[in-house]
C-alpha atoms as a PDB file:
ATOM      1  CA  MET A   1      28.615 -34.209 -14.825  1.00  0.00           C
ATOM      2  CA  LYS A   2      26.976 -31.271 -16.571  1.00  0.00           C
ATOM      3  CA  ILE A   3      23.178 -31.028 -16.567  1.00  0.00           C
ATOM      4  CA  SER A   4      21.676 -30.255 -19.950  1.00  0.00           C
ATOM      5  CA  LYS A   5      19.761 -27.056 -20.597  1.00  0.00           C
ATOM      6  CA  ARG A   6      16.678 -29.058 -21.511  1.00  0.00           C
ATOM      7  CA  ALA A   7      16.720 -30.853 -18.155  1.00  0.00           C
ATOM      8  CA  ILE A   8      17.035 -27.568 -16.252  1.00  0.00           C
ATOM      9  CA  ARG A   9      14.227 -26.021 -18.298  1.00  0.00           C
ATOM     10  CA  ARG A  10      11.954 -29.012 -17.633  1.00  0.00           C
ATOM     11  CA  HIS A  11      12.830 -28.952 -13.943  1.00  0.00           C
ATOM     12  CA  HIS A  12      11.895 -25.267 -13.623  1.00  0.00           C
ATOM     13  CA  TYR A  13       8.711 -25.800 -15.640  1.00  0.00           C
ATOM     14  CA  GLU A  14       7.561 -28.560 -13.257  1.00  0.00           C
ATOM     15  CA  ARG A  15       8.623 -26.514 -10.220  1.00  0.00           C
ATOM     16  CA  LEU A  16       6.556 -23.557 -11.392  1.00  0.00           C
ATOM     17  CA  LYS A  17       3.587 -25.831 -12.124  1.00  0.00           C
ATOM     18  CA  LYS A  18       3.558 -26.986  -8.504  1.00  0.00           C
ATOM     19  CA  LYS A  19       4.002 -23.458  -7.200  1.00  0.00           C
ATOM     20  CA  ARG A  20       1.290 -21.876  -9.361  1.00  0.00           C
ATOM     21  CA  GLN A  21      -1.488 -24.444  -8.930  1.00  0.00           C
ATOM     22  CA  ASN A  22      -3.374 -22.061  -6.642  1.00  0.00           C
ATOM     23  CA  TYR A  23      -2.960 -18.924  -8.767  1.00  0.00           C
ATOM     24  CA  TRP A  24      -5.996 -16.971  -9.878  1.00  0.00           C
ATOM     25  CA  ARG A  25      -8.052 -17.824  -6.742  1.00  0.00           C
ATOM     26  CA  GLY A  26      -8.461 -21.567  -6.941  1.00  0.00           C
ATOM     27  CA  ILE A  27      -7.157 -24.913  -7.994  1.00  0.00           C
ATOM     28  CA  LEU A  28      -6.676 -24.981 -11.747  1.00  0.00           C
ATOM     29  CA  SER A  29      -6.966 -27.786 -14.277  1.00  0.00           C
ATOM     30  CA  ALA A  30      -3.766 -29.250 -15.704  1.00  0.00           C
ATOM     31  CA  GLU A  31      -4.253 -27.284 -18.915  1.00  0.00           C
ATOM     32  CA  ARG A  32      -4.732 -23.966 -17.094  1.00  0.00           C
ATOM     33  CA  VAL A  33      -1.709 -24.615 -14.841  1.00  0.00           C
ATOM     34  CA  GLY A  34       0.421 -25.000 -17.966  1.00  0.00           C
ATOM     35  CA  PHE A  35      -0.926 -21.662 -19.190  1.00  0.00           C
ATOM     36  CA  VAL A  36      -0.221 -19.972 -15.845  1.00  0.00           C
ATOM     37  CA  VAL A  37       3.379 -21.209 -15.864  1.00  0.00           C
ATOM     38  CA  ASN A  38       4.037 -19.167 -19.009  1.00  0.00           C
ATOM     39  CA  THR A  39       1.599 -16.306 -18.290  1.00  0.00           C
ATOM     40  CA  PRO A  40       1.338 -15.533 -14.549  1.00  0.00           C
ATOM     41  CA  HIS A  41      -0.806 -12.396 -15.048  1.00  0.00           C
ATOM     42  CA  PRO A  42      -4.289 -13.040 -16.416  1.00  0.00           C
ATOM     43  CA  CYS A  43      -4.571  -9.688 -18.181  1.00  0.00           C
ATOM     44  CA  SER A  44      -3.026  -6.271 -18.764  1.00  0.00           C
ATOM     45  CA  CYS A  45      -5.839  -4.114 -17.407  1.00  0.00           C
ATOM     46  CA  TYR A  46      -5.098  -0.859 -15.594  1.00  0.00           C
ATOM     47  CA  LEU A  47      -4.706  -2.749 -12.304  1.00  0.00           C
ATOM     48  CA  CYS A  48      -2.209  -5.325 -13.632  1.00  0.00           C
ATOM     49  CA  GLY A  49      -0.594  -3.447 -16.506  1.00  0.00           C
ATOM     50  CA  ASN A  50       2.236  -0.995 -16.962  1.00  0.00           C
ATOM     51  CA  PRO A  51       1.504   2.375 -15.277  1.00  0.00           C
ATOM     52  CA  ARG A  52       3.273   4.260 -18.079  1.00  0.00           C
ATOM     53  CA  LYS A  53       0.820   2.839 -20.588  1.00  0.00           C
ATOM     54  CA  HIS A  54      -2.321   3.540 -18.566  1.00  0.00           C
ATOM     55  CA  PHE A  55      -1.518   6.630 -16.485  1.00  0.00           C
ATOM     56  CA  GLY A  56       1.628   8.168 -17.976  1.00  0.00           C
ATOM     57  CA  GLU A  57       3.555   7.455 -14.736  1.00  0.00           C
ATOM     58  CA  LEU A  58       6.992   5.942 -14.253  1.00  0.00           C
ATOM     59  CA  THR A  59       7.226   2.266 -13.380  1.00  0.00           C
ATOM     60  CA  ILE A  60       8.501   1.176  -9.956  1.00  0.00           C
ATOM     61  CA  GLN A  61      11.778   0.082 -11.524  1.00  0.00           C
ATOM     62  CA  GLU A  62      12.273   3.492 -13.144  1.00  0.00           C
ATOM     63  CA  ILE A  63      11.481   5.295  -9.870  1.00  0.00           C
ATOM     64  CA  ARG A  64      14.051   3.152  -8.038  1.00  0.00           C
ATOM     65  CA  GLN A  65      16.643   3.819 -10.743  1.00  0.00           C
ATOM     66  CA  ASN A  66      16.033   7.581 -10.505  1.00  0.00           C
ATOM     67  CA  LYS A  67      16.485   7.493  -6.730  1.00  0.00           C
ATOM     68  CA  LYS A  68      19.673   5.464  -7.089  1.00  0.00           C
ATOM     69  CA  GLU A  69      21.094   7.868  -9.681  1.00  0.00           C
ATOM     70  CA  ALA A  70      20.177  10.874  -7.546  1.00  0.00           C
ATOM     71  CA  SER A  71      21.865   9.446  -4.453  1.00  0.00           C
ATOM     72  CA  GLN A  72      25.036   8.419  -6.300  1.00  0.00           C
ATOM     73  CA  CYS A  73      25.624  11.592  -8.220  1.00  0.00           C
ATOM     74  CA  ALA A  74      23.737  14.636  -7.012  1.00  0.00           C
ATOM     75  CA  GLY A  75      23.441  17.114  -9.873  1.00  0.00           C
ATOM     76  CA  CYS A  76      25.460  15.097 -12.417  1.00  0.00           C
ATOM     77  CA  LEU A  77      22.645  13.918 -14.675  1.00  0.00           C
ATOM     78  CA  PRO A  78      19.038  15.021 -14.930  1.00  0.00           C
ATOM     79  CA  LEU A  79      16.480  12.468 -13.776  1.00  0.00           C
ATOM     80  CA  ARG A  80      14.497  10.615 -16.402  1.00  0.00           C
ATOM     81  CA  LYS A  81      10.931  11.583 -17.095  1.00  0.00           C
ATOM     82  CA  VAL A  82       8.139   9.743 -18.846  1.00  0.00           C
ATOM     83  CA  GLY A  83       8.658  11.642 -22.111  1.00  0.00           C
ATOM     84  CA  ASP A  84      12.391  10.812 -22.205  1.00  0.00           C
ATOM     85  CA  TYR A  85      11.753   7.223 -23.288  1.00  0.00           C
ATOM     86  CA  GLN A  86      11.353   6.368 -26.938  1.00  0.00           C
ATOM     87  CA  ASP A  87       8.061   4.885 -28.055  1.00  0.00           C
ATOM     88  CA  VAL A  88       8.845   1.479 -29.570  1.00  0.00           C
ATOM     89  CA  THR A  89       5.553   1.355 -31.478  1.00  0.00           C
ATOM     90  CA  GLN A  90       6.545   4.155 -33.878  1.00  0.00           C
END
């Protein structure tokens, strides 16, 4: 028997509610737990946010990808830099 997508989605929503009850340094109300399920980070300040946005640095994922590309094919392709990415806001 196939489980419906709605049932899976509800299951994961309830699972995350139980897991994230103690997020943000304390026990949260039922309303706040529902918010945390969809938004685990409370903000996008320079501590929580994307380093490219705040400091002009590559993200951890981009650094890992550059290392992987360099190890697989030494000298084949130049490594990506911060300026190589298109700005989606323009």
